[in-house]
Amino acid sequence: MIYDITHVTRFDYGTHVKFARCNLRLEPIDWPGQRLESYMLRVSPAGRTTPARAEAGLANVTRLTVDEPVRKLTIESIARMMVDRRVPVPEAGDPTLGEIAALARASRDLSPAGPSSYLFPSPLIPLDHAIAAYCAPNLDPARNALEAGIELARRIQRDFEFDAAATLVDTPPHEAFAKRRGVCQDFAQIMITGLRAAGLPAAYASGYIRTIPPAGQERLVGADATHAWVLLWCGPAKGWVGLDPTNGIWMASDHIVMAIGRDYAEIAPVDGVVLGSGAQEMAVSVDVAPVDEG
């Protein structure tokens, strides 16, 4: 499947901002099952962009500098992605969770894609005993890793209610867990908390998911959103397997990975500093359009 993705971020600063420096992690990465065909970044009315190195995680980073007064700023990211990723199928020869944990502890791969970086708590996903106890029944070390992973994702999807008003971007996992409601970021963080508590390497994936309109209705341009899900390392042969606890499904050809990190803070689409005295408002519009559907 080929997708055209348009991700627009608009800032309204209220008063003139004299200077801004931002890190943009909007260009999707190349990852097994997907390939970036083309990419374009537009910034208006002003700004200089330069490539930058990812300080953590797996991301394509662009540094944006605005050094002339602006009241509004629009960042438009346009990507074409080829995605060809099969739905994983658990097999009898898959490693167990216990084997994965041992392999991850023994791994000498210190690259951003290595499992050892994702074994331990991170600033936004700390260890939580209540979440660990909730996830533990699904994570017996003797279980097939893929079967256990998708079972836990589907359990979270059943037990938690999607509610965009229940949490904020900085809501810690224990608050969303106590409410039993939240958004994709919350469900991903809860699942990662449980996996890491069981000694398993789990990463936070940020990106997009294709949304299909109800039968008889047209697809609404700009109605999509960024998405978050979980990657579980399943050994050298299987590699990283994606699990989506918001929808209770595998990561497959409807998912497009933008960046991967230990938690959201490492791979936020936009972050940085702004010098100004007014309040800031941000609006985001995302469109994920299969090319063969026009």
C-alpha atoms as a PDB file:
ATOM      1  CA  MET A   1       0.000   0.000   0.000  1.00  0.00           C
ATOM      2  CA  ILE A   2       1.206   3.516  -0.841  1.00  0.00           C
ATOM      3  CA  TYR A   3       0.131   6.359   1.437  1.00  0.00           C
ATOM      4  CA  ASP A   4       0.305  10.117   1.055  1.00  0.00           C
ATOM      5  CA  ILE A   5       0.579  11.670   4.516  1.00  0.00           C
ATOM      6  CA  THR A   6       0.080  15.360   5.256  1.00  0.00           C
ATOM      7  CA  HIS A   7       0.753  16.475   8.836  1.00  0.00           C
ATOM      8  CA  VAL A   8       0.142  20.177   9.504  1.00  0.00           C
ATOM      9  CA  THR A   9       0.989  21.889  12.810  1.00  0.00           C
ATOM     10  CA  ARG A  10      -0.143  25.473  13.346  1.00  0.00           C
ATOM     11  CA  PHE A  11       1.026  27.726  16.185  1.00  0.00           C
ATOM     12  CA  ASP A  12      -0.711  30.945  17.214  1.00  0.00           C
ATOM     13  CA  TYR A  13       1.492  32.807  19.671  1.00  0.00           C
ATOM     14  CA  GLY A  14      -0.884  35.647  20.600  1.00  0.00           C
ATOM     15  CA  THR A  15       1.963  38.178  20.527  1.00  0.00           C
ATOM     16  CA  HIS A  16       5.056  38.370  18.344  1.00  0.00           C
ATOM     17  CA  VAL A  17       7.667  35.731  19.097  1.00  0.00           C
ATOM     18  CA  LYS A  18      11.201  37.023  18.600  1.00  0.00           C
ATOM     19  CA  PHE A  19      12.982  33.669  18.484  1.00  0.00           C
ATOM     20  CA  ALA A  20      12.132  29.959  18.385  1.00  0.00           C
ATOM     21  CA  ARG A  21      14.219  26.826  18.083  1.00  0.00           C
ATOM     22  CA  CYS A  22      12.419  23.521  17.590  1.00  0.00           C
ATOM     23  CA  ASN A  23      13.228  19.896  16.962  1.00  0.00           C
ATOM     24  CA  LEU A  24      10.976  18.364  14.311  1.00  0.00           C
ATOM     25  CA  ARG A  25      10.582  14.574  14.193  1.00  0.00           C
ATOM     26  CA  LEU A  26       8.055  14.516  11.390  1.00  0.00           C
ATOM     27  CA  GLU A  27       9.856  12.644   8.624  1.00  0.00           C
ATOM     28  CA  PRO A  28       8.943   8.946   8.936  1.00  0.00           C
ATOM     29  CA  ILE A  29      11.835   6.546   9.380  1.00  0.00           C
ATOM     30  CA  ASP A  30      12.638   3.575   7.178  1.00  0.00           C
ATOM     31  CA  TRP A  31      11.651   0.458   9.125  1.00  0.00           C
ATOM     32  CA  PRO A  32      11.006  -3.184   8.250  1.00  0.00           C
ATOM     33  CA  GLY A  33       7.830  -3.300   6.178  1.00  0.00           C
ATOM     34  CA  GLN A  34       7.889   0.353   5.137  1.00  0.00           C
ATOM     35  CA  ARG A  35       9.965   2.672   2.981  1.00  0.00           C
ATOM     36  CA  LEU A  36       9.966   6.453   2.612  1.00  0.00           C
ATOM     37  CA  GLU A  37       9.417   7.254  -1.068  1.00  0.00           C
ATOM     38  CA  SER A  38       9.508  11.062  -0.871  1.00  0.00           C
ATOM     39  CA  TYR A  39       9.408  13.809   1.727  1.00  0.00           C
ATOM     40  CA  MET A  40       8.919  17.575   1.832  1.00  0.00           C
ATOM     41  CA  LEU A  41       8.842  20.025   4.737  1.00  0.00           C
ATOM     42  CA  ARG A  42       7.334  23.502   4.460  1.00  0.00           C
ATOM     43  CA  VAL A  43       7.556  26.202   7.120  1.00  0.00           C
ATOM     44  CA  SER A  44       5.811  29.552   6.846  1.00  0.00           C
ATOM     45  CA  PRO A  45       6.011  32.479   7.138  1.00  0.00           C
ATOM     46  CA  ALA A  46       9.660  32.178   8.240  1.00  0.00           C
ATOM     47  CA  GLY A  47      12.267  29.742   9.476  1.00  0.00           C
ATOM     48  CA  ARG A  48      15.520  27.946   8.651  1.00  0.00           C
ATOM     49  CA  THR A  49      15.801  24.164   8.766  1.00  0.00           C
ATOM     50  CA  THR A  50      18.929  22.036   9.117  1.00  0.00           C
ATOM     51  CA  PRO A  51      19.412  18.288   9.681  1.00  0.00           C
ATOM     52  CA  ALA A  52      20.104  17.283  13.281  1.00  0.00           C
ATOM     53  CA  ARG A  53      21.141  14.118  15.070  1.00  0.00           C
ATOM     54  CA  ALA A  54      18.628  12.163  17.108  1.00  0.00           C
ATOM     55  CA  GLU A  55      19.730  12.339  20.731  1.00  0.00           C
ATOM     56  CA  ALA A  56      17.710   9.249  21.624  1.00  0.00           C
ATOM     57  CA  GLY A  57      15.530   6.699  19.929  1.00  0.00           C
ATOM     58  CA  LEU A  58      15.036   6.226  16.207  1.00  0.00           C
ATOM     59  CA  ALA A  59      13.926   9.418  14.466  1.00  0.00           C
ATOM     60  CA  ASN A  60      14.710  11.708  11.563  1.00  0.00           C
ATOM     61  CA  VAL A  61      15.325  15.056  13.227  1.00  0.00           C
ATOM     62  CA  THR A  62      15.227  18.498  11.625  1.00  0.00           C
ATOM     63  CA  ARG A  63      16.226  21.624  13.568  1.00  0.00           C
ATOM     64  CA  LEU A  64      13.976  24.614  12.911  1.00  0.00           C
ATOM     65  CA  THR A  65      15.184  28.098  13.828  1.00  0.00           C
ATOM     66  CA  VAL A  66      12.946  31.168  13.628  1.00  0.00           C
ATOM     67  CA  ASP A  67      14.908  34.365  14.283  1.00  0.00           C
ATOM     68  CA  GLU A  68      12.510  37.033  13.060  1.00  0.00           C
ATOM     69  CA  PRO A  69       9.268  38.145  14.775  1.00  0.00           C
ATOM     70  CA  VAL A  70       6.202  36.017  13.956  1.00  0.00           C
ATOM     71  CA  ARG A  71       2.670  35.815  15.339  1.00  0.00           C
ATOM     72  CA  LYS A  72       1.791  32.545  13.611  1.00  0.00           C
ATOM     73  CA  LEU A  73       3.824  29.598  12.388  1.00  0.00           C
ATOM     74  CA  THR A  74       2.754  26.704  10.149  1.00  0.00           C
ATOM     75  CA  ILE A  75       4.792  23.507   9.770  1.00  0.00           C
ATOM     76  CA  GLU A  76       3.636  21.220   6.963  1.00  0.00           C
ATOM     77  CA  SER A  77       5.118  17.740   6.616  1.00  0.00           C
ATOM     78  CA  ILE A  78       4.325  15.820   3.401  1.00  0.00           C
ATOM     79  CA  ALA A  79       5.443  12.207   2.977  1.00  0.00           C
ATOM     80  CA  ARG A  80       4.784   9.351   0.581  1.00  0.00           C
ATOM     81  CA  MET A  81       5.269   5.929   2.169  1.00  0.00           C
ATOM     82  CA  MET A  82       5.308   2.423   0.774  1.00  0.00           C
ATOM     83  CA  VAL A  83       4.017  -0.025   3.398  1.00  0.00           C
ATOM     84  CA  ASP A  84       4.104  -3.783   2.849  1.00  0.00           C
ATOM     85  CA  ARG A  85       3.844  -5.451   6.243  1.00  0.00           C
ATOM     86  CA  ARG A  86       2.118  -8.757   6.865  1.00  0.00           C
ATOM     87  CA  VAL A  87       0.013  -9.461   9.914  1.00  0.00           C
ATOM     88  CA  PRO A  88       2.182 -11.522  12.310  1.00  0.00           C
ATOM     89  CA  VAL A  89       1.089 -15.115  12.901  1.00  0.00           C
ATOM     90  CA  PRO A  90       2.170 -16.850  16.133  1.00  0.00           C
ATOM     91  CA  GLU A  91       3.923 -20.144  15.409  1.00  0.00           C
ATOM     92  CA  ALA A  92       4.920 -23.145  17.476  1.00  0.00           C
ATOM     93  CA  GLY A  93       8.612 -22.299  17.146  1.00  0.00           C
ATOM     94  CA  ASP A  94       8.308 -18.730  18.434  1.00  0.00           C
ATOM     95  CA  PRO A  95      10.413 -17.868  21.494  1.00  0.00           C
ATOM     96  CA  THR A  96       8.786 -17.732  24.897  1.00  0.00           C
ATOM     97  CA  LEU A  97       8.642 -14.569  26.973  1.00  0.00           C
ATOM     98  CA  GLY A  98      11.277 -16.019  29.272  1.00  0.00           C
ATOM     99  CA  GLU A  99      13.609 -16.689  26.351  1.00  0.00           C
ATOM    100  CA  ILE A 100      13.109 -13.156  25.039  1.00  0.00           C
ATOM    101  CA  ALA A 101      13.934 -11.666  28.426  1.00  0.00           C
ATOM    102  CA  ALA A 102      17.147 -13.704  28.629  1.00  0.00           C
ATOM    103  CA  LEU A 103      18.160 -12.848  25.062  1.00  0.00           C
ATOM    104  CA  ALA A 104      17.573  -9.142  25.673  1.00  0.00           C
ATOM    105  CA  ARG A 105      19.673  -9.145  28.844  1.00  0.00           C
ATOM    106  CA  ALA A 106      22.491 -10.896  26.989  1.00  0.00           C
ATOM    107  CA  SER A 107      22.329  -8.648  23.907  1.00  0.00           C
ATOM    108  CA  ARG A 108      25.397  -6.561  23.111  1.00  0.00           C
ATOM    109  CA  ASP A 109      23.529  -4.458  20.526  1.00  0.00           C
ATOM    110  CA  LEU A 110      23.755  -0.893  21.862  1.00  0.00           C
ATOM    111  CA  SER A 111      22.279   0.725  18.756  1.00  0.00           C
ATOM    112  CA  PRO A 112      19.000   2.668  18.967  1.00  0.00           C
ATOM    113  CA  ALA A 113      17.246  -0.465  17.636  1.00  0.00           C
ATOM    114  CA  GLY A 114      18.859  -2.813  20.159  1.00  0.00           C
ATOM    115  CA  PRO A 115      16.618  -4.406  22.828  1.00  0.00           C
ATOM    116  CA  SER A 116      18.719  -3.416  25.840  1.00  0.00           C
ATOM    117  CA  SER A 117      17.708   0.246  25.529  1.00  0.00           C
ATOM    118  CA  TYR A 118      14.053  -0.668  26.105  1.00  0.00           C
ATOM    119  CA  LEU A 119      14.254  -2.995  29.103  1.00  0.00           C
ATOM    120  CA  PHE A 120      14.101  -0.442  31.881  1.00  0.00           C
ATOM    121  CA  PRO A 121      11.734   2.302  33.091  1.00  0.00           C
ATOM    122  CA  SER A 122      12.046   5.677  31.381  1.00  0.00           C
ATOM    123  CA  PRO A 123      11.144   9.206  32.548  1.00  0.00           C
ATOM    124  CA  LEU A 124       7.556   9.084  31.253  1.00  0.00           C
ATOM    125  CA  ILE A 125       7.030   5.347  31.790  1.00  0.00           C
ATOM    126  CA  PRO A 126       8.188   4.549  35.337  1.00  0.00           C
ATOM    127  CA  LEU A 127       7.781   1.225  37.120  1.00  0.00           C
ATOM    128  CA  ASP A 128       4.277   0.876  38.583  1.00  0.00           C
ATOM    129  CA  HIS A 129       3.338  -2.088  40.763  1.00  0.00           C
ATOM    130  CA  ALA A 130      -0.414  -1.859  40.115  1.00  0.00           C
ATOM    131  CA  ILE A 131       0.062  -1.905  36.339  1.00  0.00           C
ATOM    132  CA  ALA A 132       2.632  -4.706  36.619  1.00  0.00           C
ATOM    133  CA  ALA A 133       0.144  -6.795  38.630  1.00  0.00           C
ATOM    134  CA  TYR A 134      -2.613  -6.132  36.074  1.00  0.00           C
ATOM    135  CA  CYS A 135      -0.436  -7.278  33.149  1.00  0.00           C
ATOM    136  CA  ALA A 136       1.248 -10.215  34.915  1.00  0.00           C
ATOM    137  CA  PRO A 137      -1.475 -12.849  34.221  1.00  0.00           C
ATOM    138  CA  ASN A 138      -0.837 -12.470  30.485  1.00  0.00           C
ATOM    139  CA  LEU A 139       2.944 -12.559  30.771  1.00  0.00           C
ATOM    140  CA  ASP A 140       3.858 -15.999  32.074  1.00  0.00           C
ATOM    141  CA  PRO A 141       7.518 -16.556  31.042  1.00  0.00           C
ATOM    142  CA  ALA A 142       6.640 -19.944  29.516  1.00  0.00           C
ATOM    143  CA  ARG A 143       4.136 -18.491  27.052  1.00  0.00           C
ATOM    144  CA  ASN A 144       4.630 -17.979  23.316  1.00  0.00           C
ATOM    145  CA  ALA A 145       5.764 -14.347  23.058  1.00  0.00           C
ATOM    146  CA  LEU A 146       3.531 -13.316  20.159  1.00  0.00           C
ATOM    147  CA  GLU A 147       0.439 -14.994  21.592  1.00  0.00           C
ATOM    148  CA  ALA A 148       0.976 -13.355  24.982  1.00  0.00           C
ATOM    149  CA  GLY A 149       1.637  -9.934  23.465  1.00  0.00           C
ATOM    150  CA  ILE A 150      -1.511  -9.777  21.339  1.00  0.00           C
ATOM    151  CA  GLU A 151      -3.591 -11.192  24.190  1.00  0.00           C
ATOM    152  CA  LEU A 152      -2.447  -8.385  26.487  1.00  0.00           C
ATOM    153  CA  ALA A 153      -3.088  -5.761  23.805  1.00  0.00           C
ATOM    154  CA  ARG A 154      -6.619  -7.064  23.291  1.00  0.00           C
ATOM    155  CA  ARG A 155      -7.260  -7.184  27.022  1.00  0.00           C
ATOM    156  CA  ILE A 156      -6.286  -3.517  27.389  1.00  0.00           C
ATOM    157  CA  GLN A 157      -8.526  -2.668  24.429  1.00  0.00           C
ATOM    158  CA  ARG A 158     -11.472  -4.383  26.173  1.00  0.00           C
ATOM    159  CA  ASP A 159     -10.850  -3.048  29.672  1.00  0.00           C
ATOM    160  CA  PHE A 160     -10.110   0.614  28.872  1.00  0.00           C
ATOM    161  CA  GLU A 161     -12.358   3.217  27.276  1.00  0.00           C
ATOM    162  CA  PHE A 162     -11.098   5.621  24.626  1.00  0.00           C
ATOM    163  CA  ASP A 163     -11.817   9.120  25.964  1.00  0.00           C
ATOM    164  CA  ALA A 164      -9.924  12.082  24.508  1.00  0.00           C
ATOM    165  CA  ALA A 165     -11.058  14.316  27.376  1.00  0.00           C
ATOM    166  CA  ALA A 166      -9.789  12.024  30.144  1.00  0.00           C
ATOM    167  CA  THR A 167      -6.045  12.707  29.887  1.00  0.00           C
ATOM    168  CA  LEU A 168      -3.439  15.181  28.657  1.00  0.00           C
ATOM    169  CA  VAL A 169      -0.166  14.614  26.819  1.00  0.00           C
ATOM    170  CA  ASP A 170       1.719  14.649  30.148  1.00  0.00           C
ATOM    171  CA  THR A 171      -0.688  12.411  32.097  1.00  0.00           C
ATOM    172  CA  PRO A 172       1.401   9.675  33.760  1.00  0.00           C
ATOM    173  CA  PRO A 173       0.459   6.028  33.134  1.00  0.00           C
ATOM    174  CA  HIS A 174      -0.778   5.410  36.684  1.00  0.00           C
ATOM    175  CA  GLU A 175      -3.458   8.120  36.352  1.00  0.00           C
ATOM    176  CA  ALA A 176      -4.831   6.749  33.075  1.00  0.00           C
ATOM    177  CA  PHE A 177      -4.686   3.247  34.557  1.00  0.00           C
ATOM    178  CA  ALA A 178      -6.708   4.325  37.603  1.00  0.00           C
ATOM    179  CA  LYS A 179      -9.326   5.989  35.388  1.00  0.00           C
ATOM    180  CA  ARG A 180      -9.456   3.023  32.988  1.00  0.00           C
ATOM    181  CA  ARG A 181      -9.735   5.522  30.147  1.00  0.00           C
ATOM    182  CA  GLY A 182      -7.546   7.701  27.960  1.00  0.00           C
ATOM    183  CA  VAL A 183      -6.085   7.802  24.436  1.00  0.00           C
ATOM    184  CA  CYS A 184      -3.607   5.768  22.395  1.00  0.00           C
ATOM    185  CA  GLN A 185      -0.595   7.264  24.186  1.00  0.00           C
ATOM    186  CA  ASP A 186      -1.994   6.192  27.560  1.00  0.00           C
ATOM    187  CA  PHE A 187      -2.787   2.636  26.452  1.00  0.00           C
ATOM    188  CA  ALA A 188       0.663   2.233  24.884  1.00  0.00           C
ATOM    189  CA  GLN A 189       2.366   3.505  28.039  1.00  0.00           C
ATOM    190  CA  ILE A 190       0.324   1.175  30.255  1.00  0.00           C
ATOM    191  CA  MET A 191       1.225  -1.838  28.141  1.00  0.00           C
ATOM    192  CA  ILE A 192       4.907  -0.873  27.998  1.00  0.00           C
ATOM    193  CA  THR A 193       4.943  -0.486  31.792  1.00  0.00           C
ATOM    194  CA  GLY A 194       3.692  -4.044  32.212  1.00  0.00           C
ATOM    195  CA  LEU A 195       6.048  -5.535  29.635  1.00  0.00           C
ATOM    196  CA  ARG A 196       9.130  -3.863  31.103  1.00  0.00           C
ATOM    197  CA  ALA A 197       8.095  -4.900  34.612  1.00  0.00           C
ATOM    198  CA  ALA A 198       8.199  -8.490  33.317  1.00  0.00           C
ATOM    199  CA  GLY A 199      11.754  -7.975  32.036  1.00  0.00           C
ATOM    200  CA  LEU A 200      10.746  -7.610  28.389  1.00  0.00           C
ATOM    201  CA  PRO A 201      12.096  -5.026  25.907  1.00  0.00           C
ATOM    202  CA  ALA A 202       9.223  -2.763  24.864  1.00  0.00           C
ATOM    203  CA  ALA A 203       9.421   0.435  22.780  1.00  0.00           C
ATOM    204  CA  TYR A 204       7.022   3.318  22.175  1.00  0.00           C
ATOM    205  CA  ALA A 205       6.110   3.765  18.494  1.00  0.00           C
ATOM    206  CA  SER A 206       4.711   7.041  17.176  1.00  0.00           C
ATOM    207  CA  GLY A 207       3.156   7.407  13.750  1.00  0.00           C
ATOM    208  CA  TYR A 208      -0.075   7.079  11.858  1.00  0.00           C
ATOM    209  CA  ILE A 209      -2.837   4.565  11.293  1.00  0.00           C
ATOM    210  CA  ARG A 210      -5.109   4.457   8.291  1.00  0.00           C
ATOM    211  CA  THR A 211      -8.703   5.136   9.321  1.00  0.00           C
ATOM    212  CA  ILE A 212     -11.554   3.753   7.255  1.00  0.00           C
ATOM    213  CA  PRO A 213     -14.826   5.742   7.217  1.00  0.00           C
ATOM    214  CA  PRO A 214     -18.144   4.075   8.049  1.00  0.00           C
ATOM    215  CA  ALA A 215     -19.905   2.347   5.182  1.00  0.00           C
ATOM    216  CA  GLY A 216     -21.554   4.803   2.841  1.00  0.00           C
ATOM    217  CA  GLN A 217     -19.587   7.816   4.103  1.00  0.00           C
ATOM    218  CA  GLU A 218     -16.725   9.625   2.395  1.00  0.00           C
ATOM    219  CA  ARG A 219     -13.281   9.823   3.910  1.00  0.00           C
ATOM    220  CA  LEU A 220     -12.844  13.211   5.590  1.00  0.00           C
ATOM    221  CA  VAL A 221      -9.609  14.961   4.615  1.00  0.00           C
ATOM    222  CA  GLY A 222      -7.688  16.009   7.732  1.00  0.00           C
ATOM    223  CA  ALA A 223      -9.757  13.850  10.071  1.00  0.00           C
ATOM    224  CA  ASP A 224      -6.922  11.452  10.917  1.00  0.00           C
ATOM    225  CA  ALA A 225      -4.509  11.895  13.821  1.00  0.00           C
ATOM    226  CA  THR A 226      -1.122  10.786  15.037  1.00  0.00           C
ATOM    227  CA  HIS A 227      -1.165   7.402  16.724  1.00  0.00           C
ATOM    228  CA  ALA A 228       0.904   5.501  19.294  1.00  0.00           C
ATOM    229  CA  TRP A 229       1.398   1.788  19.899  1.00  0.00           C
ATOM    230  CA  VAL A 230       3.883  -0.741  21.280  1.00  0.00           C
ATOM    231  CA  LEU A 231       6.830  -2.642  19.829  1.00  0.00           C
ATOM    232  CA  LEU A 232       7.852  -5.857  21.577  1.00  0.00           C
ATOM    233  CA  TRP A 233      11.258  -7.317  20.726  1.00  0.00           C
ATOM    234  CA  CYS A 234      10.757 -11.019  20.014  1.00  0.00           C
ATOM    235  CA  GLY A 235      14.327 -12.200  19.528  1.00  0.00           C
ATOM    236  CA  PRO A 236      16.841 -11.933  16.664  1.00  0.00           C
ATOM    237  CA  ALA A 237      14.726 -13.963  14.226  1.00  0.00           C
ATOM    238  CA  LYS A 238      11.380 -12.198  14.719  1.00  0.00           C
ATOM    239  CA  GLY A 239      12.753  -8.781  15.630  1.00  0.00           C
ATOM    240  CA  TRP A 240      10.373  -6.029  16.739  1.00  0.00           C
ATOM    241  CA  VAL A 241       6.679  -6.920  16.532  1.00  0.00           C
ATOM    242  CA  GLY A 242       4.066  -4.164  16.707  1.00  0.00           C
ATOM    243  CA  LEU A 243       1.029  -4.387  18.997  1.00  0.00           C
ATOM    244  CA  ASP A 244      -1.757  -1.802  19.068  1.00  0.00           C
ATOM    245  CA  PRO A 245      -3.604  -1.864  22.426  1.00  0.00           C
ATOM    246  CA  THR A 246      -5.940   0.965  21.406  1.00  0.00           C
ATOM    247  CA  ASN A 247      -7.481  -1.212  18.706  1.00  0.00           C
ATOM    248  CA  GLY A 248      -6.462  -4.663  19.933  1.00  0.00           C
ATOM    249  CA  ILE A 249      -4.631  -5.460  16.685  1.00  0.00           C
ATOM    250  CA  TRP A 250      -1.182  -6.152  15.272  1.00  0.00           C
ATOM    251  CA  MET A 251       0.885  -3.474  13.571  1.00  0.00           C
ATOM    252  CA  ALA A 252       0.483  -4.263   9.880  1.00  0.00           C
ATOM    253  CA  SER A 253      -0.020  -2.396   6.615  1.00  0.00           C
ATOM    254  CA  ASP A 254      -2.422   0.147   8.132  1.00  0.00           C
ATOM    255  CA  HIS A 255       0.307   1.440  10.485  1.00  0.00           C
ATOM    256  CA  ILE A 256       3.070   3.877   9.452  1.00  0.00           C
ATOM    257  CA  VAL A 257       5.965   4.294  11.894  1.00  0.00           C
ATOM    258  CA  MET A 258       7.224   7.860  12.244  1.00  0.00           C
ATOM    259  CA  ALA A 259       9.646   7.403  15.166  1.00  0.00           C
ATOM    260  CA  ILE A 260      10.531   4.931  17.928  1.00  0.00           C
ATOM    261  CA  GLY A 261      11.791   5.659  21.441  1.00  0.00           C
ATOM    262  CA  ARG A 262      11.612   4.679  25.086  1.00  0.00           C
ATOM    263  CA  ASP A 263       8.670   7.041  25.562  1.00  0.00           C
ATOM    264  CA  TYR A 264       6.942  10.033  23.991  1.00  0.00           C
ATOM    265  CA  ALA A 265       9.464  12.584  25.272  1.00  0.00           C
ATOM    266  CA  GLU A 266      12.229  11.125  23.088  1.00  0.00           C
ATOM    267  CA  ILE A 267      10.231  11.260  19.868  1.00  0.00           C
ATOM    268  CA  ALA A 268       7.681  14.084  20.209  1.00  0.00           C
ATOM    269  CA  PRO A 269       6.821  15.362  16.709  1.00  0.00           C
ATOM    270  CA  VAL A 270       7.654  18.951  17.715  1.00  0.00           C
ATOM    271  CA  ASP A 271       9.433  20.318  20.778  1.00  0.00           C
ATOM    272  CA  GLY A 272      11.762  23.206  21.570  1.00  0.00           C
ATOM    273  CA  VAL A 273      11.955  26.682  23.077  1.00  0.00           C
ATOM    274  CA  VAL A 274      10.150  29.914  22.228  1.00  0.00           C
ATOM    275  CA  LEU A 275      11.002  33.433  23.412  1.00  0.00           C
ATOM    276  CA  GLY A 276       7.808  35.411  23.812  1.00  0.00           C
ATOM    277  CA  SER A 277       5.372  36.709  26.411  1.00  0.00           C
ATOM    278  CA  GLY A 278       1.997  35.600  25.021  1.00  0.00           C
ATOM    279  CA  ALA A 279       0.035  32.390  25.350  1.00  0.00           C
ATOM    280  CA  GLN A 280       0.560  29.702  22.728  1.00  0.00           C
ATOM    281  CA  GLU A 281      -2.117  27.710  20.935  1.00  0.00           C
ATOM    282  CA  MET A 282      -1.373  24.708  18.754  1.00  0.00           C
ATOM    283  CA  ALA A 283      -3.631  22.947  16.228  1.00  0.00           C
ATOM    284  CA  VAL A 284      -2.739  19.737  14.394  1.00  0.00           C
ATOM    285  CA  SER A 285      -4.306  18.269  11.265  1.00  0.00           C
ATOM    286  CA  VAL A 286      -3.336  14.879   9.837  1.00  0.00           C
ATOM    287  CA  ASP A 287      -4.422  13.220   6.601  1.00  0.00           C
ATOM    288  CA  VAL A 288      -3.466   9.646   5.691  1.00  0.00           C
ATOM    289  CA  ALA A 289      -4.633   8.901   2.152  1.00  0.00           C
ATOM    290  CA  PRO A 290      -4.082   5.600   0.292  1.00  0.00           C
ATOM    291  CA  VAL A 291      -2.851   6.589  -3.160  1.00  0.00           C
ATOM    292  CA  ASP A 292      -4.875   3.944  -4.978  1.00  0.00           C
ATOM    293  CA  GLU A 293      -8.035   5.499  -3.523  1.00  0.00           C
ATOM    294  CA  GLY A 294      -7.189   8.948  -4.864  1.00  0.00           C
END
